[in-house]
Amino acid sequence: MLLLACFLLIQDKSLVLRIDTELVAIDAVVTDSKGNYVTDLQKEDFEILEDGQIVPIELFQTFTSLRELPLAVVFAIDLSGSISPEEGSLGRLSIDSFLAKLNYKAAVGLIAFNNQVKVLVPLTKDHKKLLHQLDKKADYGGSTRIYDAIDRAVTMLNSYKSHNPIRKIVIVITDGFDSASRIDKKELIRRANQARVTVYSITLPSYLPQLGRSIRVPTLLDISRITELTGGRGFTAEADNYDYIYDSIARELVSGYTLGFYPKATSSAGMHRLEIRLKRADLNIRTNRNSYSR
């Protein structure tokens, strides 16, 4: 939610004080029955419901490139003992390529995690700081705190201040098997929803041989549904670079919609249910939150 500034308006020599309420923003991705992104919808194609009641849509944004998109992104990189240095280094060039596509004002941050969670680069608009940190030799080892790392990233993004609504995302690169986190997964999803943060995962897969072929093992991160319930997606790293994954994330970000409304001044404090509905029944929608609190 974005607290809009109060301002004074002078009309006919009389002073009028106007205080805008908090804007509740929601990010959404729309696909057709084949999974293709639908990018040509208008505000009139959507409905926002607060506690089951339709509210006026007062913010509607779309973007056509990452250079236009107001964005803050935190990369969370697994340095646990189950990750090899070779696997861990694969994503560096792909991150460099991804950052090159962003608006220079986009904020970026970097977290590394194993049995500890360390903020290596706080959110900054100096993208070279993040790339410089990625070039440093990393020490791999220890247990894995994936959920705690995502939670730290959510906290970073939630504290980032902007005058306008921005997309806030976490990209976590991991083998997907958490072994030491303290935070409850449901609480993590609640916090991400409240902060309007979308989580994407890049998972280094594990396989089991079965009947002459290899079967990918579902990870604990897969089972938690954190990516799905924050409006994101999970990707499997199957190649020697992750360019195709970052390209997919970029394509999804610029294919989405940001919608918002102002709660009524009479709305009660506490948790409120959110829903975005499409007026076209043949389309599917994925959103990054289903509630907000006042």
C-alpha atoms as a PDB file:
ATOM      1  CA  MET A   1       0.000   0.000   0.000  1.00  0.00           C
ATOM      2  CA  LEU A   2       1.186   3.464  -0.776  1.00  0.00           C
ATOM      3  CA  LEU A   3       0.476   6.341   1.584  1.00  0.00           C
ATOM      4  CA  LEU A   4      -0.214   9.304  -0.631  1.00  0.00           C
ATOM      5  CA  ALA A   5       0.901  12.694   0.528  1.00  0.00           C
ATOM      6  CA  CYS A   6      -1.502  15.125   2.113  1.00  0.00           C
ATOM      7  CA  PHE A   7      -1.772  18.443   0.378  1.00  0.00           C
ATOM      8  CA  LEU A   8      -3.435  21.831   0.770  1.00  0.00           C
ATOM      9  CA  LEU A   9      -5.724  23.225  -1.893  1.00  0.00           C
ATOM     10  CA  ILE A  10      -6.724  26.914  -1.846  1.00  0.00           C
ATOM     11  CA  GLN A  11      -9.946  27.821  -3.639  1.00  0.00           C
ATOM     12  CA  ASP A  12     -11.852  31.125  -3.469  1.00  0.00           C
ATOM     13  CA  LYS A  13      -9.545  32.320  -0.681  1.00  0.00           C
ATOM     14  CA  SER A  14     -10.719  29.463   1.566  1.00  0.00           C
ATOM     15  CA  LEU A  15      -8.414  26.747   2.809  1.00  0.00           C
ATOM     16  CA  VAL A  16      -9.445  23.165   2.090  1.00  0.00           C
ATOM     17  CA  LEU A  17      -7.497  20.304   3.635  1.00  0.00           C
ATOM     18  CA  ARG A  18      -7.621  17.082   1.651  1.00  0.00           C
ATOM     19  CA  ILE A  19      -6.150  13.879   3.059  1.00  0.00           C
ATOM     20  CA  ASP A  20      -5.945  10.978   0.604  1.00  0.00           C
ATOM     21  CA  THR A  21      -6.390   7.510   2.041  1.00  0.00           C
ATOM     22  CA  GLU A  22      -4.057   4.590   1.427  1.00  0.00           C
ATOM     23  CA  LEU A  23      -4.047   3.192  -2.076  1.00  0.00           C
ATOM     24  CA  VAL A  24      -4.384  -0.595  -2.152  1.00  0.00           C
ATOM     25  CA  ALA A  25      -2.550  -1.946  -5.210  1.00  0.00           C
ATOM     26  CA  ILE A  26      -2.675  -5.466  -6.660  1.00  0.00           C
ATOM     27  CA  ASP A  27      -0.523  -6.972  -9.405  1.00  0.00           C
ATOM     28  CA  ALA A  28      -2.109  -9.442 -11.797  1.00  0.00           C
ATOM     29  CA  VAL A  29      -1.158 -11.649 -14.751  1.00  0.00           C
ATOM     30  CA  VAL A  30      -3.815 -12.829 -17.208  1.00  0.00           C
ATOM     31  CA  THR A  31      -3.469 -15.875 -19.466  1.00  0.00           C
ATOM     32  CA  ASP A  32      -5.678 -17.670 -21.965  1.00  0.00           C
ATOM     33  CA  SER A  33      -6.540 -21.375 -21.971  1.00  0.00           C
ATOM     34  CA  LYS A  34      -3.182 -22.184 -23.607  1.00  0.00           C
ATOM     35  CA  GLY A  35      -1.151 -20.250 -21.052  1.00  0.00           C
ATOM     36  CA  ASN A  36      -0.409 -17.319 -23.354  1.00  0.00           C
ATOM     37  CA  TYR A  37      -0.270 -13.881 -21.765  1.00  0.00           C
ATOM     38  CA  VAL A  38      -3.215 -11.600 -22.499  1.00  0.00           C
ATOM     39  CA  THR A  39      -1.940  -8.023 -22.581  1.00  0.00           C
ATOM     40  CA  ASP A  40      -4.651  -6.010 -24.330  1.00  0.00           C
ATOM     41  CA  LEU A  41      -7.277  -5.795 -21.576  1.00  0.00           C
ATOM     42  CA  GLN A  42      -8.690  -2.488 -20.386  1.00  0.00           C
ATOM     43  CA  LYS A  43      -9.778  -1.305 -16.954  1.00  0.00           C
ATOM     44  CA  GLU A  44     -13.377  -2.127 -17.839  1.00  0.00           C
ATOM     45  CA  ASP A  45     -12.456  -5.827 -18.193  1.00  0.00           C
ATOM     46  CA  PHE A  46     -11.678  -6.114 -14.450  1.00  0.00           C
ATOM     47  CA  GLU A  47     -13.557  -5.924 -11.179  1.00  0.00           C
ATOM     48  CA  ILE A  48     -11.973  -5.472  -7.751  1.00  0.00           C
ATOM     49  CA  LEU A  49     -13.895  -6.805  -4.769  1.00  0.00           C
ATOM     50  CA  GLU A  50     -13.175  -5.806  -1.187  1.00  0.00           C
ATOM     51  CA  ASP A  51     -14.867  -8.167   1.277  1.00  0.00           C
ATOM     52  CA  GLY A  52     -17.144  -9.317  -1.556  1.00  0.00           C
ATOM     53  CA  GLN A  53     -18.205  -5.800  -2.596  1.00  0.00           C
ATOM     54  CA  ILE A  54     -17.192  -4.225  -5.910  1.00  0.00           C
ATOM     55  CA  VAL A  55     -15.088  -1.077  -5.470  1.00  0.00           C
ATOM     56  CA  PRO A  56     -14.112   1.529  -8.091  1.00  0.00           C
ATOM     57  CA  ILE A  57     -10.812   0.875  -9.867  1.00  0.00           C
ATOM     58  CA  GLU A  58      -8.788   4.053  -9.429  1.00  0.00           C
ATOM     59  CA  LEU A  59      -5.391   2.818 -10.581  1.00  0.00           C
ATOM     60  CA  PHE A  60      -4.779   0.880 -13.800  1.00  0.00           C
ATOM     61  CA  GLN A  61      -1.254   0.457 -15.163  1.00  0.00           C
ATOM     62  CA  THR A  62       0.370  -1.576 -17.920  1.00  0.00           C
ATOM     63  CA  PHE A  63       3.912  -1.487 -19.289  1.00  0.00           C
ATOM     64  CA  THR A  64       5.522  -2.645 -22.512  1.00  0.00           C
ATOM     65  CA  SER A  65       9.176  -2.949 -21.452  1.00  0.00           C
ATOM     66  CA  LEU A  66      11.273  -3.430 -18.340  1.00  0.00           C
ATOM     67  CA  ARG A  67      12.785   0.002 -18.895  1.00  0.00           C
ATOM     68  CA  GLU A  68       9.354   1.529 -18.249  1.00  0.00           C
ATOM     69  CA  LEU A  69       8.478  -0.651 -15.266  1.00  0.00           C
ATOM     70  CA  PRO A  70       8.980   0.799 -11.754  1.00  0.00           C
ATOM     71  CA  LEU A  71      10.643  -2.162 -10.043  1.00  0.00           C
ATOM     72  CA  ALA A  72      12.461  -3.283  -6.930  1.00  0.00           C
ATOM     73  CA  VAL A  73      13.986  -6.771  -6.965  1.00  0.00           C
ATOM     74  CA  VAL A  74      15.957  -8.779  -4.408  1.00  0.00           C
ATOM     75  CA  PHE A  75      18.007 -11.781  -5.510  1.00  0.00           C
ATOM     76  CA  ALA A  76      18.360 -14.475  -2.829  1.00  0.00           C
ATOM     77  CA  ILE A  77      21.146 -16.968  -3.587  1.00  0.00           C
ATOM     78  CA  ASP A  78      21.620 -20.354  -1.922  1.00  0.00           C
ATOM     79  CA  LEU A  79      25.156 -20.960  -0.614  1.00  0.00           C
ATOM     80  CA  SER A  80      24.354 -24.097   1.393  1.00  0.00           C
ATOM     81  CA  GLY A  81      26.356 -27.302   1.322  1.00  0.00           C
ATOM     82  CA  SER A  82      23.948 -28.936  -1.127  1.00  0.00           C
ATOM     83  CA  ILE A  83      24.908 -26.418  -3.841  1.00  0.00           C
ATOM     84  CA  SER A  84      28.185 -26.774  -5.724  1.00  0.00           C
ATOM     85  CA  PRO A  85      30.245 -23.661  -6.584  1.00  0.00           C
ATOM     86  CA  GLU A  86      29.772 -24.512 -10.277  1.00  0.00           C
ATOM     87  CA  GLU A  87      25.991 -24.537  -9.883  1.00  0.00           C
ATOM     88  CA  GLY A  88      26.069 -21.364  -7.829  1.00  0.00           C
ATOM     89  CA  SER A  89      28.118 -19.446 -10.389  1.00  0.00           C
ATOM     90  CA  LEU A  90      25.857 -20.259 -13.342  1.00  0.00           C
ATOM     91  CA  GLY A  91      23.409 -17.439 -12.691  1.00  0.00           C
ATOM     92  CA  ARG A  92      25.881 -14.556 -12.553  1.00  0.00           C
ATOM     93  CA  LEU A  93      25.956 -13.711 -16.279  1.00  0.00           C
ATOM     94  CA  SER A  94      22.203 -14.175 -16.539  1.00  0.00           C
ATOM     95  CA  ILE A  95      21.646 -11.709 -13.690  1.00  0.00           C
ATOM     96  CA  ASP A  96      23.957  -9.251 -15.463  1.00  0.00           C
ATOM     97  CA  SER A  97      21.893  -9.589 -18.633  1.00  0.00           C
ATOM     98  CA  PHE A  98      18.639  -9.178 -16.690  1.00  0.00           C
ATOM     99  CA  LEU A  99      19.852  -6.022 -14.930  1.00  0.00           C
ATOM    100  CA  ALA A 100      20.877  -4.530 -18.271  1.00  0.00           C
ATOM    101  CA  LYS A 101      17.209  -4.596 -19.323  1.00  0.00           C
ATOM    102  CA  LEU A 102      15.954  -2.702 -16.269  1.00  0.00           C
ATOM    103  CA  ASN A 103      15.245   0.971 -15.838  1.00  0.00           C
ATOM    104  CA  TYR A 104      18.328   2.597 -14.319  1.00  0.00           C
ATOM    105  CA  LYS A 105      16.106   3.740 -11.438  1.00  0.00           C
ATOM    106  CA  ALA A 106      15.113   0.179 -10.551  1.00  0.00           C
ATOM    107  CA  ALA A 107      16.249  -0.804  -7.054  1.00  0.00           C
ATOM    108  CA  VAL A 108      18.161  -4.084  -6.674  1.00  0.00           C
ATOM    109  CA  GLY A 109      19.417  -6.001  -3.652  1.00  0.00           C
ATOM    110  CA  LEU A 110      21.273  -9.227  -2.919  1.00  0.00           C
ATOM    111  CA  ILE A 111      20.925 -11.810  -0.134  1.00  0.00           C
ATOM    112  CA  ALA A 112      23.010 -14.954   0.387  1.00  0.00           C
ATOM    113  CA  PHE A 113      21.849 -17.766   2.641  1.00  0.00           C
ATOM    114  CA  ASN A 114      22.837 -21.116   4.094  1.00  0.00           C
ATOM    115  CA  ASN A 115      22.555 -21.641   7.858  1.00  0.00           C
ATOM    116  CA  GLN A 116      22.691 -17.838   8.035  1.00  0.00           C
ATOM    117  CA  VAL A 117      20.918 -15.144   6.065  1.00  0.00           C
ATOM    118  CA  LYS A 118      23.156 -12.256   5.013  1.00  0.00           C
ATOM    119  CA  VAL A 119      22.222  -9.061   3.196  1.00  0.00           C
ATOM    120  CA  LEU A 120      25.180  -8.570   0.861  1.00  0.00           C
ATOM    121  CA  VAL A 121      23.763  -5.569  -1.004  1.00  0.00           C
ATOM    122  CA  PRO A 122      20.930  -3.467   0.486  1.00  0.00           C
ATOM    123  CA  LEU A 123      18.450  -2.111  -2.051  1.00  0.00           C
ATOM    124  CA  THR A 124      20.264   0.316  -4.308  1.00  0.00           C
ATOM    125  CA  LYS A 125      19.924   1.891  -7.730  1.00  0.00           C
ATOM    126  CA  ASP A 126      23.639   1.325  -8.338  1.00  0.00           C
ATOM    127  CA  HIS A 127      23.428  -1.990 -10.197  1.00  0.00           C
ATOM    128  CA  LYS A 128      27.224  -2.276 -10.382  1.00  0.00           C
ATOM    129  CA  LYS A 129      27.367  -2.807  -6.615  1.00  0.00           C
ATOM    130  CA  LEU A 130      25.334  -5.993  -6.965  1.00  0.00           C
ATOM    131  CA  LEU A 131      27.397  -7.271  -9.886  1.00  0.00           C
ATOM    132  CA  HIS A 132      30.612  -6.500  -8.010  1.00  0.00           C
ATOM    133  CA  GLN A 133      29.401  -8.554  -5.049  1.00  0.00           C
ATOM    134  CA  LEU A 134      28.450 -11.449  -7.329  1.00  0.00           C
ATOM    135  CA  ASP A 135      32.008 -11.490  -8.663  1.00  0.00           C
ATOM    136  CA  LYS A 136      33.426 -12.191  -5.207  1.00  0.00           C
ATOM    137  CA  LYS A 137      34.260 -15.765  -4.289  1.00  0.00           C
ATOM    138  CA  ALA A 138      31.516 -17.311  -2.153  1.00  0.00           C
ATOM    139  CA  ASP A 139      31.937 -19.822   0.662  1.00  0.00           C
ATOM    140  CA  TYR A 140      29.517 -22.725   0.264  1.00  0.00           C
ATOM    141  CA  GLY A 141      28.430 -24.932   3.152  1.00  0.00           C
ATOM    142  CA  GLY A 142      25.984 -25.416   5.990  1.00  0.00           C
ATOM    143  CA  SER A 143      22.242 -25.965   6.156  1.00  0.00           C
ATOM    144  CA  THR A 144      19.566 -24.161   4.142  1.00  0.00           C
ATOM    145  CA  ARG A 145      17.236 -21.369   5.279  1.00  0.00           C
ATOM    146  CA  ILE A 146      15.237 -20.638   2.139  1.00  0.00           C
ATOM    147  CA  TYR A 147      12.074 -19.357   3.807  1.00  0.00           C
ATOM    148  CA  ASP A 148      13.979 -17.121   6.225  1.00  0.00           C
ATOM    149  CA  ALA A 149      15.897 -15.650   3.269  1.00  0.00           C
ATOM    150  CA  ILE A 150      12.684 -14.928   1.378  1.00  0.00           C
ATOM    151  CA  ASP A 151      11.254 -13.335   4.512  1.00  0.00           C
ATOM    152  CA  ARG A 152      14.304 -11.081   4.827  1.00  0.00           C
ATOM    153  CA  ALA A 153      13.867 -10.068   1.187  1.00  0.00           C
ATOM    154  CA  VAL A 154      10.181  -9.296   1.803  1.00  0.00           C
ATOM    155  CA  THR A 155      11.160  -7.100   4.762  1.00  0.00           C
ATOM    156  CA  MET A 156      13.691  -5.241   2.611  1.00  0.00           C
ATOM    157  CA  LEU A 157      11.142  -4.626  -0.118  1.00  0.00           C
ATOM    158  CA  ASN A 158       8.413  -3.632   2.325  1.00  0.00           C
ATOM    159  CA  SER A 159      10.643  -0.954   3.842  1.00  0.00           C
ATOM    160  CA  TYR A 160      11.602   0.477   0.444  1.00  0.00           C
ATOM    161  CA  LYS A 161       9.910   3.847  -0.050  1.00  0.00           C
ATOM    162  CA  SER A 162       8.574   5.093  -3.353  1.00  0.00           C
ATOM    163  CA  HIS A 163       6.224   7.902  -4.305  1.00  0.00           C
ATOM    164  CA  ASN A 164       4.490   5.679  -6.863  1.00  0.00           C
ATOM    165  CA  PRO A 165       3.365   2.042  -6.896  1.00  0.00           C
ATOM    166  CA  ILE A 166       6.238  -0.231  -7.897  1.00  0.00           C
ATOM    167  CA  ARG A 167       6.472  -3.944  -8.617  1.00  0.00           C
ATOM    168  CA  LYS A 168       8.318  -5.714  -5.816  1.00  0.00           C
ATOM    169  CA  ILE A 169       9.765  -9.139  -6.538  1.00  0.00           C
ATOM    170  CA  VAL A 170      12.086 -11.722  -5.032  1.00  0.00           C
ATOM    171  CA  ILE A 171      14.069 -14.105  -7.241  1.00  0.00           C
ATOM    172  CA  VAL A 172      15.408 -17.007  -5.171  1.00  0.00           C
ATOM    173  CA  ILE A 173      18.013 -19.379  -6.651  1.00  0.00           C
ATOM    174  CA  THR A 174      18.161 -22.627  -4.668  1.00  0.00           C
ATOM    175  CA  ASP A 175      17.884 -26.408  -4.697  1.00  0.00           C
ATOM    176  CA  GLY A 176      14.508 -25.965  -3.003  1.00  0.00           C
ATOM    177  CA  PHE A 177      15.142 -28.067   0.102  1.00  0.00           C
ATOM    178  CA  ASP A 178      14.861 -25.974   3.248  1.00  0.00           C
ATOM    179  CA  SER A 179      16.383 -27.557   6.361  1.00  0.00           C
ATOM    180  CA  ALA A 180      16.723 -24.817   8.982  1.00  0.00           C
ATOM    181  CA  SER A 181      14.240 -21.939   8.570  1.00  0.00           C
ATOM    182  CA  ARG A 182      12.452 -20.614  11.621  1.00  0.00           C
ATOM    183  CA  ILE A 183       9.570 -18.758  10.011  1.00  0.00           C
ATOM    184  CA  ASP A 184       6.277 -20.550   9.431  1.00  0.00           C
ATOM    185  CA  LYS A 185       5.488 -20.871   5.715  1.00  0.00           C
ATOM    186  CA  LYS A 186       1.922 -19.586   6.113  1.00  0.00           C
ATOM    187  CA  GLU A 187       3.224 -16.555   7.983  1.00  0.00           C
ATOM    188  CA  LEU A 188       5.759 -15.932   5.222  1.00  0.00           C
ATOM    189  CA  ILE A 189       3.018 -15.975   2.580  1.00  0.00           C
ATOM    190  CA  ARG A 190       0.899 -13.614   4.706  1.00  0.00           C
ATOM    191  CA  ARG A 191       3.793 -11.177   5.046  1.00  0.00           C
ATOM    192  CA  ALA A 192       4.550 -11.292   1.330  1.00  0.00           C
ATOM    193  CA  ASN A 193       0.886 -10.674   0.488  1.00  0.00           C
ATOM    194  CA  GLN A 194       0.685  -7.707   2.839  1.00  0.00           C
ATOM    195  CA  ALA A 195       3.878  -6.235   1.385  1.00  0.00           C
ATOM    196  CA  ARG A 196       2.658  -6.884  -2.198  1.00  0.00           C
ATOM    197  CA  VAL A 197       5.756  -8.935  -2.992  1.00  0.00           C
ATOM    198  CA  THR A 198       5.850 -11.583  -5.711  1.00  0.00           C
ATOM    199  CA  VAL A 199       8.261 -14.506  -5.372  1.00  0.00           C
ATOM    200  CA  TYR A 200       9.898 -16.275  -8.320  1.00  0.00           C
ATOM    201  CA  SER A 201      12.113 -19.319  -7.853  1.00  0.00           C
ATOM    202  CA  ILE A 202      14.895 -20.829  -9.944  1.00  0.00           C
ATOM    203  CA  THR A 203      15.378 -24.372  -8.684  1.00  0.00           C
ATOM    204  CA  LEU A 204      18.400 -26.579  -9.288  1.00  0.00           C
ATOM    205  CA  PRO A 205      16.623 -29.901  -9.785  1.00  0.00           C
ATOM    206  CA  SER A 206      17.191 -33.269  -8.135  1.00  0.00           C
ATOM    207  CA  TYR A 207      16.273 -36.507  -9.920  1.00  0.00           C
ATOM    208  CA  LEU A 208      15.487 -40.085  -9.011  1.00  0.00           C
ATOM    209  CA  PRO A 209      15.988 -42.946 -11.497  1.00  0.00           C
ATOM    210  CA  GLN A 210      12.728 -44.749 -12.223  1.00  0.00           C
ATOM    211  CA  LEU A 211      11.976 -47.316 -14.934  1.00  0.00           C
ATOM    212  CA  GLY A 212      14.935 -46.301 -17.051  1.00  0.00           C
ATOM    213  CA  ARG A 213      14.311 -42.574 -16.861  1.00  0.00           C
ATOM    214  CA  SER A 214      14.910 -39.747 -14.429  1.00  0.00           C
ATOM    215  CA  ILE A 215      12.021 -38.245 -12.465  1.00  0.00           C
ATOM    216  CA  ARG A 216      12.368 -34.745 -11.038  1.00  0.00           C
ATOM    217  CA  VAL A 217      11.870 -34.739  -7.274  1.00  0.00           C
ATOM    218  CA  PRO A 218       9.356 -32.127  -6.020  1.00  0.00           C
ATOM    219  CA  THR A 219      11.125 -29.850  -3.557  1.00  0.00           C
ATOM    220  CA  LEU A 220       9.902 -28.481  -0.241  1.00  0.00           C
ATOM    221  CA  LEU A 221       9.733 -25.070  -1.908  1.00  0.00           C
ATOM    222  CA  ASP A 222       7.460 -26.541  -4.603  1.00  0.00           C
ATOM    223  CA  ILE A 223       5.194 -28.105  -1.988  1.00  0.00           C
ATOM    224  CA  SER A 224       4.979 -24.884   0.042  1.00  0.00           C
ATOM    225  CA  ARG A 225       3.305 -23.091  -2.931  1.00  0.00           C
ATOM    226  CA  ILE A 226       4.992 -19.847  -1.906  1.00  0.00           C
ATOM    227  CA  THR A 227       5.583 -18.784  -5.508  1.00  0.00           C
ATOM    228  CA  GLU A 228       2.026 -19.593  -6.567  1.00  0.00           C
ATOM    229  CA  LEU A 229       0.395 -17.905  -3.548  1.00  0.00           C
ATOM    230  CA  THR A 230       2.392 -14.713  -4.063  1.00  0.00           C
ATOM    231  CA  GLY A 231       1.509 -14.489  -7.748  1.00  0.00           C
ATOM    232  CA  GLY A 232       4.865 -15.763  -9.005  1.00  0.00           C
ATOM    233  CA  ARG A 233       6.168 -18.859 -10.758  1.00  0.00           C
ATOM    234  CA  GLY A 234       8.735 -21.554 -10.179  1.00  0.00           C
ATOM    235  CA  PHE A 235      11.318 -22.379 -12.855  1.00  0.00           C
ATOM    236  CA  THR A 236      13.616 -25.388 -13.144  1.00  0.00           C
ATOM    237  CA  ALA A 237      17.216 -24.702 -14.146  1.00  0.00           C
ATOM    238  CA  GLU A 238      17.831 -27.319 -16.839  1.00  0.00           C
ATOM    239  CA  ALA A 239      20.567 -25.646 -18.916  1.00  0.00           C
ATOM    240  CA  ASP A 240      24.070 -24.290 -18.464  1.00  0.00           C
ATOM    241  CA  ASN A 241      22.726 -20.765 -18.149  1.00  0.00           C
ATOM    242  CA  TYR A 242      19.563 -19.166 -16.855  1.00  0.00           C
ATOM    243  CA  ASP A 243      19.015 -16.618 -19.608  1.00  0.00           C
ATOM    244  CA  TYR A 244      15.785 -18.249 -20.738  1.00  0.00           C
ATOM    245  CA  ILE A 245      14.426 -18.140 -17.174  1.00  0.00           C
ATOM    246  CA  TYR A 246      15.201 -14.454 -16.657  1.00  0.00           C
ATOM    247  CA  ASP A 247      13.739 -13.746 -20.102  1.00  0.00           C
ATOM    248  CA  SER A 248      10.558 -15.543 -18.989  1.00  0.00           C
ATOM    249  CA  ILE A 249      10.391 -13.505 -15.783  1.00  0.00           C
ATOM    250  CA  ALA A 250      10.932 -10.299 -17.744  1.00  0.00           C
ATOM    251  CA  ARG A 251       8.201 -11.230 -20.217  1.00  0.00           C
ATOM    252  CA  GLU A 252       5.771 -11.937 -17.390  1.00  0.00           C
ATOM    253  CA  LEU A 253       6.524  -8.668 -15.598  1.00  0.00           C
ATOM    254  CA  VAL A 254       5.741  -6.554 -18.663  1.00  0.00           C
ATOM    255  CA  SER A 255       2.669  -8.644 -19.468  1.00  0.00           C
ATOM    256  CA  GLY A 256       1.014  -7.896 -16.144  1.00  0.00           C
ATOM    257  CA  TYR A 257      -1.419  -5.316 -14.809  1.00  0.00           C
ATOM    258  CA  THR A 258      -1.358  -3.192 -11.672  1.00  0.00           C
ATOM    259  CA  LEU A 259      -4.763  -2.207 -10.325  1.00  0.00           C
ATOM    260  CA  GLY A 260      -5.693  -0.266  -7.224  1.00  0.00           C
ATOM    261  CA  PHE A 261      -8.442   1.356  -5.214  1.00  0.00           C
ATOM    262  CA  TYR A 262      -8.911   3.628  -2.230  1.00  0.00           C
ATOM    263  CA  PRO A 263     -10.624   1.992   0.757  1.00  0.00           C
ATOM    264  CA  LYS A 264     -13.606   3.841   2.128  1.00  0.00           C
ATOM    265  CA  ALA A 265     -12.892   6.070   5.088  1.00  0.00           C
ATOM    266  CA  THR A 266     -15.479   4.053   7.005  1.00  0.00           C
ATOM    267  CA  SER A 267     -13.724   0.721   6.378  1.00  0.00           C
ATOM    268  CA  SER A 268     -12.873  -0.960   9.648  1.00  0.00           C
ATOM    269  CA  ALA A 269      -9.372  -1.710  10.879  1.00  0.00           C
ATOM    270  CA  GLY A 270      -8.088  -5.238  10.452  1.00  0.00           C
ATOM    271  CA  MET A 271      -7.851  -7.725   7.600  1.00  0.00           C
ATOM    272  CA  HIS A 272      -9.924  -7.319   4.430  1.00  0.00           C
ATOM    273  CA  ARG A 273     -10.411  -9.865   1.642  1.00  0.00           C
ATOM    274  CA  LEU A 274      -9.379  -8.937  -1.901  1.00  0.00           C
ATOM    275  CA  GLU A 275     -10.371 -10.452  -5.206  1.00  0.00           C
ATOM    276  CA  ILE A 276      -9.892  -9.435  -8.817  1.00  0.00           C
ATOM    277  CA  ARG A 277     -12.431 -10.850 -11.243  1.00  0.00           C
ATOM    278  CA  LEU A 278     -12.361 -10.859 -15.010  1.00  0.00           C
ATOM    279  CA  LYS A 279     -15.512 -10.198 -16.995  1.00  0.00           C
ATOM    280  CA  ARG A 280     -14.330 -12.737 -19.569  1.00  0.00           C
ATOM    281  CA  ALA A 281     -14.844 -16.294 -18.378  1.00  0.00           C
ATOM    282  CA  ASP A 282     -12.392 -17.771 -20.919  1.00  0.00           C
ATOM    283  CA  LEU A 283      -9.358 -16.174 -19.251  1.00  0.00           C
ATOM    284  CA  ASN A 284      -7.364 -16.996 -16.134  1.00  0.00           C
ATOM    285  CA  ILE A 285      -5.938 -14.528 -13.638  1.00  0.00           C
ATOM    286  CA  ARG A 286      -3.113 -14.827 -11.109  1.00  0.00           C
ATOM    287  CA  THR A 287      -2.643 -12.127  -8.447  1.00  0.00           C
ATOM    288  CA  ASN A 288      -0.001 -11.464  -5.824  1.00  0.00           C
ATOM    289  CA  ARG A 289      -2.323 -10.902  -2.876  1.00  0.00           C
ATOM    290  CA  ASN A 290      -5.800 -11.844  -1.650  1.00  0.00           C
ATOM    291  CA  SER A 291      -6.035  -9.577   1.391  1.00  0.00           C
ATOM    292  CA  TYR A 292      -4.779  -6.355   2.955  1.00  0.00           C
ATOM    293  CA  SER A 293      -4.875  -4.888   6.433  1.00  0.00           C
ATOM    294  CA  ARG A 294      -5.605  -1.383   7.693  1.00  0.00           C
END
